[in-house]
Amino acid sequence: MEVFSQNNVKSSTTLPAYLDLANYQSGAIPFTLPVVLVANVTAALQAYPERYGQLQQRFKTMLQLPFMHYQISTRQYPMLITLQLPKALTNLQRDLNLNGYYVHADSQYLRQRNFIQLSVIQPDFEIAINHLHKILNYYKQIVDA
């Protein structure tokens, strides 16, 4: 779905008609947006400062994990940590996957650079971060030995 566009977009078969930008571009009669949609957008915008604070705290928590000294700057994504791992940690992504932690590392771009990415946006962050901390501490002990 596109929100703003300088080009004409194709009509969507999966969006409700009132959300389909193509209807507005074609000059169709404007739709009245459902009050529930407007109320949800309003609630989301009002909750944003609190949510942003929560995400910032999660980011700071993640920076305390082992291997964060391999972090590279990603200013475009303030809720994403990108690590460029050395050869000694090449199997970290696979080992995390085997333990139920799926990090972003599967694209050709990420694999070629030995990058993994960790995100703070997930519903069970507090539980996951504790388990991840234990796994990474154990992994660090093995690598350092």
Foldseek 3Di string as FASTA:
>chain_A
DDDDDPDQDDFDPPDDPQRTVNCVVVVHDHDDDDPVVVVVVVVCVVCVVVVVVVLVVLQVLVCPAPQLVQWDDDVVDPFKTKGQDDPLCLCVQVVCVVVPDHWPQPDPVNNVRVITMDGCDDDPNVVVSVVVRVVRVVVVVVSVD
